[in-house]
Amino acid sequence: MKYAAIYLFVVIVLLIVVLIVEPLKTVAASSLQIGIPEAKARRFGLIIDVRTPEQRSYLGYYPNSIPISLEKLKSEVPLDISNKKTWILVYSNGDQKAQIAAEKLFKQGYPNVRYIQETYLSLMPGSQ
């Protein structure tokens, strides 16, 4: 009986931790979107393009951005980013791929990852 009570206590504590900590991660991840003015003002150490190679080839890309497919990001972080504090910007074509990629990187320990909902053209000098 004594062990059953201890076991029950441990299970309850673990459930409480999961119910409290996991939503906090989700809330933080959902606040990763950045507006174009702020994105233009911030200096990013890495810019990731999660569009397909065809989209990148046909539509162009932001200078010095690194193409990484969303599928690849879902299974691994294909870059050796040794400094987890590096500011990372993720973009796609205005769809949810950039958000999904940013949340994935955030959950993998990159606290300074942000995404833009707009296309890379919004970042170009002279665009509004």
C-alpha atoms as a PDB file:
ATOM      1  CA  MET A   1       0.000   0.000   0.000  1.00  0.00           C
ATOM      2  CA  LYS A   2       2.858   2.348   0.847  1.00  0.00           C
ATOM      3  CA  TYR A   3       4.478   1.791  -2.581  1.00  0.00           C
ATOM      4  CA  ALA A   4       1.180   2.309  -4.374  1.00  0.00           C
ATOM      5  CA  ALA A   5       0.801   5.714  -2.722  1.00  0.00           C
ATOM      6  CA  ILE A   6       4.354   6.698  -3.719  1.00  0.00           C
ATOM      7  CA  TYR A   7       3.753   5.470  -7.260  1.00  0.00           C
ATOM      8  CA  LEU A   8       0.501   7.426  -7.492  1.00  0.00           C
ATOM      9  CA  PHE A   9       2.213  10.553  -6.162  1.00  0.00           C
ATOM     10  CA  VAL A  10       5.013  10.280  -8.752  1.00  0.00           C
ATOM     11  CA  VAL A  11       2.498   9.801 -11.577  1.00  0.00           C
ATOM     12  CA  ILE A  12       0.502  12.846 -10.463  1.00  0.00           C
ATOM     13  CA  VAL A  13       3.637  15.007 -10.244  1.00  0.00           C
ATOM     14  CA  LEU A  14       4.727  13.914 -13.734  1.00  0.00           C
ATOM     15  CA  LEU A  15       1.289  14.687 -15.148  1.00  0.00           C
ATOM     16  CA  ILE A  16       1.332  18.130 -13.571  1.00  0.00           C
ATOM     17  CA  VAL A  17       4.772  18.849 -15.020  1.00  0.00           C
ATOM     18  CA  VAL A  18       3.690  17.724 -18.500  1.00  0.00           C
ATOM     19  CA  LEU A  19       0.461  19.706 -18.344  1.00  0.00           C
ATOM     20  CA  ILE A  20       2.240  22.884 -17.233  1.00  0.00           C
ATOM     21  CA  VAL A  21       5.540  22.772 -19.146  1.00  0.00           C
ATOM     22  CA  GLU A  22       4.317  21.631 -22.590  1.00  0.00           C
ATOM     23  CA  PRO A  23       1.730  24.434 -23.011  1.00  0.00           C
ATOM     24  CA  LEU A  24       4.402  26.965 -22.035  1.00  0.00           C
ATOM     25  CA  LYS A  25       6.624  25.698 -24.860  1.00  0.00           C
ATOM     26  CA  THR A  26       3.731  26.013 -27.302  1.00  0.00           C
ATOM     27  CA  VAL A  27       2.880  29.535 -26.158  1.00  0.00           C
ATOM     28  CA  ALA A  28       6.490  30.604 -26.574  1.00  0.00           C
ATOM     29  CA  ALA A  29       6.743  28.938 -29.988  1.00  0.00           C
ATOM     30  CA  SER A  30       3.587  30.654 -31.248  1.00  0.00           C
ATOM     31  CA  SER A  31       5.143  34.062 -30.550  1.00  0.00           C
ATOM     32  CA  LEU A  32       8.005  33.505 -32.993  1.00  0.00           C
ATOM     33  CA  GLN A  33       6.476  35.532 -35.825  1.00  0.00           C
ATOM     34  CA  ILE A  34       8.279  38.768 -36.585  1.00  0.00           C
ATOM     35  CA  GLY A  35       7.050  41.707 -38.619  1.00  0.00           C
ATOM     36  CA  ILE A  36       8.906  42.955 -41.662  1.00  0.00           C
ATOM     37  CA  PRO A  37      10.057  46.272 -40.094  1.00  0.00           C
ATOM     38  CA  GLU A  38      11.566  44.449 -37.111  1.00  0.00           C
ATOM     39  CA  ALA A  39      13.079  41.760 -39.351  1.00  0.00           C
ATOM     40  CA  LYS A  40      14.748  44.446 -41.458  1.00  0.00           C
ATOM     41  CA  ALA A  41      16.096  46.167 -38.351  1.00  0.00           C
ATOM     42  CA  ARG A  42      17.509  43.013 -36.733  1.00  0.00           C
ATOM     43  CA  ARG A  43      20.769  41.403 -37.758  1.00  0.00           C
ATOM     44  CA  PHE A  44      20.294  37.664 -38.336  1.00  0.00           C
ATOM     45  CA  GLY A  45      23.238  35.286 -38.282  1.00  0.00           C
ATOM     46  CA  LEU A  46      21.379  32.784 -40.438  1.00  0.00           C
ATOM     47  CA  ILE A  47      18.464  33.050 -42.882  1.00  0.00           C
ATOM     48  CA  ILE A  48      16.737  29.789 -43.836  1.00  0.00           C
ATOM     49  CA  ASP A  49      14.532  29.324 -46.905  1.00  0.00           C
ATOM     50  CA  VAL A  50      12.177  26.336 -46.425  1.00  0.00           C
ATOM     51  CA  ARG A  51      10.667  26.425 -49.900  1.00  0.00           C
ATOM     52  CA  THR A  52      11.162  23.705 -52.491  1.00  0.00           C
ATOM     53  CA  PRO A  53      14.172  23.905 -54.834  1.00  0.00           C
ATOM     54  CA  GLU A  54      11.747  24.589 -57.700  1.00  0.00           C
ATOM     55  CA  GLN A  55      10.205  27.556 -55.884  1.00  0.00           C
ATOM     56  CA  ARG A  56      13.627  28.889 -54.992  1.00  0.00           C
ATOM     57  CA  SER A  57      14.807  28.570 -58.590  1.00  0.00           C
ATOM     58  CA  TYR A  58      11.671  30.015 -60.175  1.00  0.00           C
ATOM     59  CA  LEU A  59      10.822  32.752 -57.652  1.00  0.00           C
ATOM     60  CA  GLY A  60      14.320  33.716 -56.523  1.00  0.00           C
ATOM     61  CA  TYR A  61      15.631  33.911 -52.975  1.00  0.00           C
ATOM     62  CA  TYR A  62      17.001  36.271 -50.377  1.00  0.00           C
ATOM     63  CA  PRO A  63      20.783  36.762 -50.749  1.00  0.00           C
ATOM     64  CA  ASN A  64      22.872  34.417 -48.586  1.00  0.00           C
ATOM     65  CA  SER A  65      19.820  32.456 -47.428  1.00  0.00           C
ATOM     66  CA  ILE A  66      20.294  28.729 -46.958  1.00  0.00           C
ATOM     67  CA  PRO A  67      17.798  26.343 -48.566  1.00  0.00           C
ATOM     68  CA  ILE A  68      16.620  23.630 -46.190  1.00  0.00           C
ATOM     69  CA  SER A  69      13.448  21.697 -46.881  1.00  0.00           C
ATOM     70  CA  LEU A  70      10.817  21.570 -44.179  1.00  0.00           C
ATOM     71  CA  GLU A  71      10.884  17.778 -44.401  1.00  0.00           C
ATOM     72  CA  LYS A  72      14.594  17.756 -43.590  1.00  0.00           C
ATOM     73  CA  LEU A  73      14.101  20.134 -40.667  1.00  0.00           C
ATOM     74  CA  LYS A  74      11.364  17.905 -39.279  1.00  0.00           C
ATOM     75  CA  SER A  75      13.774  14.984 -38.976  1.00  0.00           C
ATOM     76  CA  GLU A  76      17.009  16.775 -38.068  1.00  0.00           C
ATOM     77  CA  VAL A  77      18.837  20.061 -37.876  1.00  0.00           C
ATOM     78  CA  PRO A  78      20.975  19.718 -40.994  1.00  0.00           C
ATOM     79  CA  LEU A  79      23.270  22.577 -40.051  1.00  0.00           C
ATOM     80  CA  ASP A  80      25.929  22.545 -37.400  1.00  0.00           C
ATOM     81  CA  ILE A  81      24.845  25.663 -35.546  1.00  0.00           C
ATOM     82  CA  SER A  82      27.192  25.544 -32.605  1.00  0.00           C
ATOM     83  CA  ASN A  83      25.926  28.750 -31.028  1.00  0.00           C
ATOM     84  CA  LYS A  84      22.329  28.108 -30.057  1.00  0.00           C
ATOM     85  CA  LYS A  85      21.899  31.838 -29.374  1.00  0.00           C
ATOM     86  CA  THR A  86      22.396  32.720 -33.074  1.00  0.00           C
ATOM     87  CA  TRP A  87      19.548  34.792 -34.458  1.00  0.00           C
ATOM     88  CA  ILE A  88      17.809  32.749 -37.169  1.00  0.00           C
ATOM     89  CA  LEU A  89      15.162  33.966 -39.626  1.00  0.00           C
ATOM     90  CA  VAL A  90      12.987  31.473 -41.518  1.00  0.00           C
ATOM     91  CA  TYR A  91      10.856  32.294 -44.555  1.00  0.00           C
ATOM     92  CA  SER A  92       8.738  30.555 -47.193  1.00  0.00           C
ATOM     93  CA  ASN A  93       6.027  31.758 -49.591  1.00  0.00           C
ATOM     94  CA  GLY A  94       3.592  33.177 -47.085  1.00  0.00           C
ATOM     95  CA  ASP A  95       2.346  29.727 -46.092  1.00  0.00           C
ATOM     96  CA  GLN A  96       2.754  27.954 -42.758  1.00  0.00           C
ATOM     97  CA  LYS A  97       6.008  26.181 -43.607  1.00  0.00           C
ATOM     98  CA  ALA A  98       8.109  28.970 -42.095  1.00  0.00           C
ATOM     99  CA  GLN A  99       6.123  28.866 -38.856  1.00  0.00           C
ATOM    100  CA  ILE A 100       6.409  25.076 -38.595  1.00  0.00           C
ATOM    101  CA  ALA A 101      10.156  25.228 -39.233  1.00  0.00           C
ATOM    102  CA  ALA A 102      10.676  28.012 -36.669  1.00  0.00           C
ATOM    103  CA  GLU A 103       8.711  26.103 -34.021  1.00  0.00           C
ATOM    104  CA  LYS A 104      10.761  22.974 -34.743  1.00  0.00           C
ATOM    105  CA  LEU A 105      14.038  24.871 -34.328  1.00  0.00           C
ATOM    106  CA  PHE A 106      12.719  26.565 -31.181  1.00  0.00           C
ATOM    107  CA  LYS A 107      11.857  23.212 -29.627  1.00  0.00           C
ATOM    108  CA  GLN A 108      15.341  21.968 -30.532  1.00  0.00           C
ATOM    109  CA  GLY A 109      16.838  24.687 -28.357  1.00  0.00           C
ATOM    110  CA  TYR A 110      17.218  27.728 -30.621  1.00  0.00           C
ATOM    111  CA  PRO A 111      15.527  30.522 -28.619  1.00  0.00           C
ATOM    112  CA  ASN A 112      16.297  33.293 -31.126  1.00  0.00           C
ATOM    113  CA  VAL A 113      14.548  31.827 -34.147  1.00  0.00           C
ATOM    114  CA  ARG A 114      11.890  33.950 -35.851  1.00  0.00           C
ATOM    115  CA  TYR A 115       9.827  33.604 -39.010  1.00  0.00           C
ATOM    116  CA  ILE A 116       8.101  35.983 -41.362  1.00  0.00           C
ATOM    117  CA  GLN A 117       4.703  35.176 -42.800  1.00  0.00           C
ATOM    118  CA  GLU A 118       5.436  37.174 -45.955  1.00  0.00           C
ATOM    119  CA  THR A 119       7.765  36.199 -48.805  1.00  0.00           C
ATOM    120  CA  TYR A 120      11.436  37.107 -48.890  1.00  0.00           C
ATOM    121  CA  LEU A 121      10.609  39.984 -51.279  1.00  0.00           C
ATOM    122  CA  SER A 122       9.220  41.875 -48.282  1.00  0.00           C
ATOM    123  CA  LEU A 123      12.729  41.917 -46.818  1.00  0.00           C
ATOM    124  CA  MET A 124      14.390  43.371 -49.877  1.00  0.00           C
ATOM    125  CA  PRO A 125      15.599  46.975 -49.694  1.00  0.00           C
ATOM    126  CA  GLY A 126      13.000  49.400 -50.998  1.00  0.00           C
ATOM    127  CA  SER A 127      10.047  47.111 -50.210  1.00  0.00           C
ATOM    128  CA  GLN A 128       7.428  48.183 -47.711  1.00  0.00           C
END
